[in-house]
């Protein structure tokens, strides 16, 4: 299963940790840092990554909630049959950081993973792979 990682560029370090954890669990992961090279058309490469992926992990942080890109990725995944049951929101960050932010309503109907300590606990990262395995 190929998994697309949607994240804010400001959350790249955590997205990289999630990528490593999923790869260790046997998933093929599309992560822009590894897939988009200097000089590439960024939008075209992301579109290709979305078309080729079977699942999406959306890294939700207060920074990501400011991004129209994240909402666009979620909207895309919701319209694609192959992503049904395979859109996994991952909430990361101190809960106080989400105060005043509107978490997308659709998350109430999706298998949300919450990372404690911004994902520094490796066991939390393993939860993402487990949810994806159950969705396969």
Protein backbone atom coordinates (compact mmCIF):
# COMPACT_ATOMS: atom_id res chain seq x y z
CA UNK A 1 0.00 0.00 0.00
CA UNK A 2 1.34 3.43 -0.93
CA UNK A 3 0.69 6.11 1.71
CA UNK A 4 0.71 9.83 0.96
CA UNK A 5 1.91 12.04 3.84
CA UNK A 6 0.10 15.40 3.98
CA UNK A 7 1.78 17.92 6.27
CA UNK A 8 2.73 21.54 6.73
CA UNK A 9 6.30 22.33 5.73
CA UNK A 10 6.82 23.59 9.30
CA UNK A 11 6.08 20.04 10.55
CA UNK A 12 8.62 18.35 8.27
CA UNK A 13 10.65 16.79 11.11
CA UNK A 14 7.64 14.96 12.54
CA UNK A 15 6.43 14.01 9.05
CA UNK A 16 9.87 12.50 8.43
CA UNK A 17 9.59 10.45 11.65
CA UNK A 18 6.15 9.19 10.58
CA UNK A 19 7.55 8.32 7.15
CA UNK A 20 10.37 6.31 8.72
CA UNK A 21 7.98 4.48 11.03
CA UNK A 22 5.63 3.56 8.17
CA UNK A 23 8.51 2.42 5.95
CA UNK A 24 9.81 0.25 8.79
CA UNK A 25 6.33 -1.30 8.98
CA UNK A 26 6.52 -2.20 5.28
CA UNK A 27 4.56 0.64 3.68
CA UNK A 28 5.60 2.47 0.52
CA UNK A 29 5.43 6.14 1.53
CA UNK A 30 5.11 9.26 -0.64
CA UNK A 31 6.82 12.08 1.27
CA UNK A 32 7.52 15.30 -0.63
CA UNK A 33 10.99 15.75 0.86
CA UNK A 34 12.08 12.55 -0.91
CA UNK A 35 9.90 12.77 -4.02
CA UNK A 36 10.18 16.40 -5.15
CA UNK A 37 13.64 17.33 -6.35
CA UNK A 38 15.00 20.83 -6.98
CA UNK A 39 13.71 22.05 -10.33
CA UNK A 40 10.69 19.71 -10.31
CA UNK A 41 7.21 21.11 -10.79
CA UNK A 42 6.05 20.80 -7.18
CA UNK A 43 2.31 20.81 -7.96
CA UNK A 44 2.68 18.19 -10.70
CA UNK A 45 4.73 15.90 -8.45
CA UNK A 46 2.21 16.20 -5.60
CA UNK A 47 -0.66 15.48 -7.99
CA UNK A 48 1.20 12.41 -9.23
CA UNK A 49 1.82 11.28 -5.65
CA UNK A 50 -1.86 11.63 -4.83
CA UNK A 51 -2.89 9.66 -7.93
CA UNK A 52 -0.47 6.84 -7.13
CA UNK A 53 -1.34 6.55 -3.44
CA UNK A 54 -3.86 4.22 -1.80
CA UNK A 55 -4.03 5.93 1.60
CA UNK A 56 -3.31 9.29 3.18
CA UNK A 57 -1.94 10.25 6.56
CA UNK A 58 -2.75 13.88 7.38
CA UNK A 59 -0.48 15.35 10.03
CA UNK A 60 -2.72 17.80 11.88
CA UNK A 61 -1.00 20.46 13.95
CA UNK A 62 -2.00 24.04 14.71
CA UNK A 63 0.35 25.07 11.89
CA UNK A 64 -1.27 22.63 9.45
CA UNK A 65 -4.74 23.92 10.30
CA UNK A 66 -3.66 27.28 8.85
CA UNK A 67 -2.86 25.62 5.53
CA UNK A 68 -5.26 25.52 2.62
CA UNK A 69 -3.09 22.74 1.22
CA UNK A 70 -4.05 20.35 4.01
CA UNK A 71 -7.75 21.02 3.42
CA UNK A 72 -7.21 20.44 -0.30
CA UNK A 73 -5.52 17.09 0.38
CA UNK A 74 -8.38 16.02 2.66
CA UNK A 75 -10.98 17.11 0.10
CA UNK A 76 -9.19 15.12 -2.60
CA UNK A 77 -8.98 11.98 -0.46
CA UNK A 78 -12.66 12.20 0.44
CA UNK A 79 -13.62 12.13 -3.24
CA UNK A 80 -11.50 9.10 -4.14
CA UNK A 81 -12.95 5.63 -3.62
CA UNK A 82 -9.50 4.08 -3.08
CA UNK A 83 -9.02 6.26 0.02
CA UNK A 84 -12.25 5.07 1.66
CA UNK A 85 -11.33 4.04 5.19
CA UNK A 86 -7.73 4.99 4.47
CA UNK A 87 -7.69 8.68 5.33
CA UNK A 88 -5.93 8.81 8.69
CA UNK A 89 -5.76 12.12 10.58
CA UNK A 90 -2.86 12.23 13.02
CA UNK A 91 -3.27 14.89 15.71
CA UNK A 92 0.08 16.06 17.02
CA UNK A 93 0.92 18.80 19.41
CA UNK A 94 -0.10 20.07 22.77
CA UNK A 95 -3.90 20.19 23.03
CA UNK A 96 -3.61 23.82 24.15
CA UNK A 97 -2.21 24.54 20.69
CA UNK A 98 -5.57 23.57 19.15
CA UNK A 99 -7.62 25.97 21.25
CA UNK A 100 -9.52 28.31 19.00
CA UNK A 101 -8.89 26.15 15.92
CA UNK A 102 -11.61 24.33 14.09
CA UNK A 103 -10.73 20.68 13.58
CA UNK A 104 -12.41 19.48 10.34
CA UNK A 105 -15.80 17.90 11.15
CA UNK A 106 -15.06 14.86 9.00
CA UNK A 107 -12.48 13.71 11.57
CA UNK A 108 -15.39 12.58 13.75
CA UNK A 109 -15.97 9.83 11.17
CA UNK A 110 -12.36 8.79 10.60
CA UNK A 111 -9.88 6.69 12.60
CA UNK A 112 -7.93 9.50 14.29
CA UNK A 113 -4.52 8.79 15.84
CA UNK A 114 -3.34 11.14 18.59
CA UNK A 115 0.39 11.48 19.15
CA UNK A 116 1.52 12.32 22.63
CA UNK A 117 4.65 14.44 23.07
CA UNK A 118 4.63 15.40 19.36
CA UNK A 119 5.37 11.82 18.35
CA UNK A 120 8.62 11.43 20.26
CA UNK A 121 7.18 8.24 21.72
CA UNK A 122 7.85 5.61 19.03
CA UNK A 123 4.90 3.51 20.21
CA UNK A 124 2.54 6.30 19.21
CA UNK A 125 4.01 6.28 15.70
CA UNK A 126 3.36 2.54 15.48
CA UNK A 127 -0.36 3.23 15.98
CA UNK A 128 -0.47 4.85 12.54
CA UNK A 129 0.81 1.67 10.87
CA UNK A 130 -1.68 -0.43 12.83
CA UNK A 131 -4.61 1.71 11.73
CA UNK A 132 -3.45 1.47 8.10
CA UNK A 133 -3.03 -2.31 8.34
CA UNK A 134 -6.56 -2.63 9.68
CA UNK A 135 -7.84 -0.47 6.81
CA UNK A 136 -6.14 -2.58 4.12
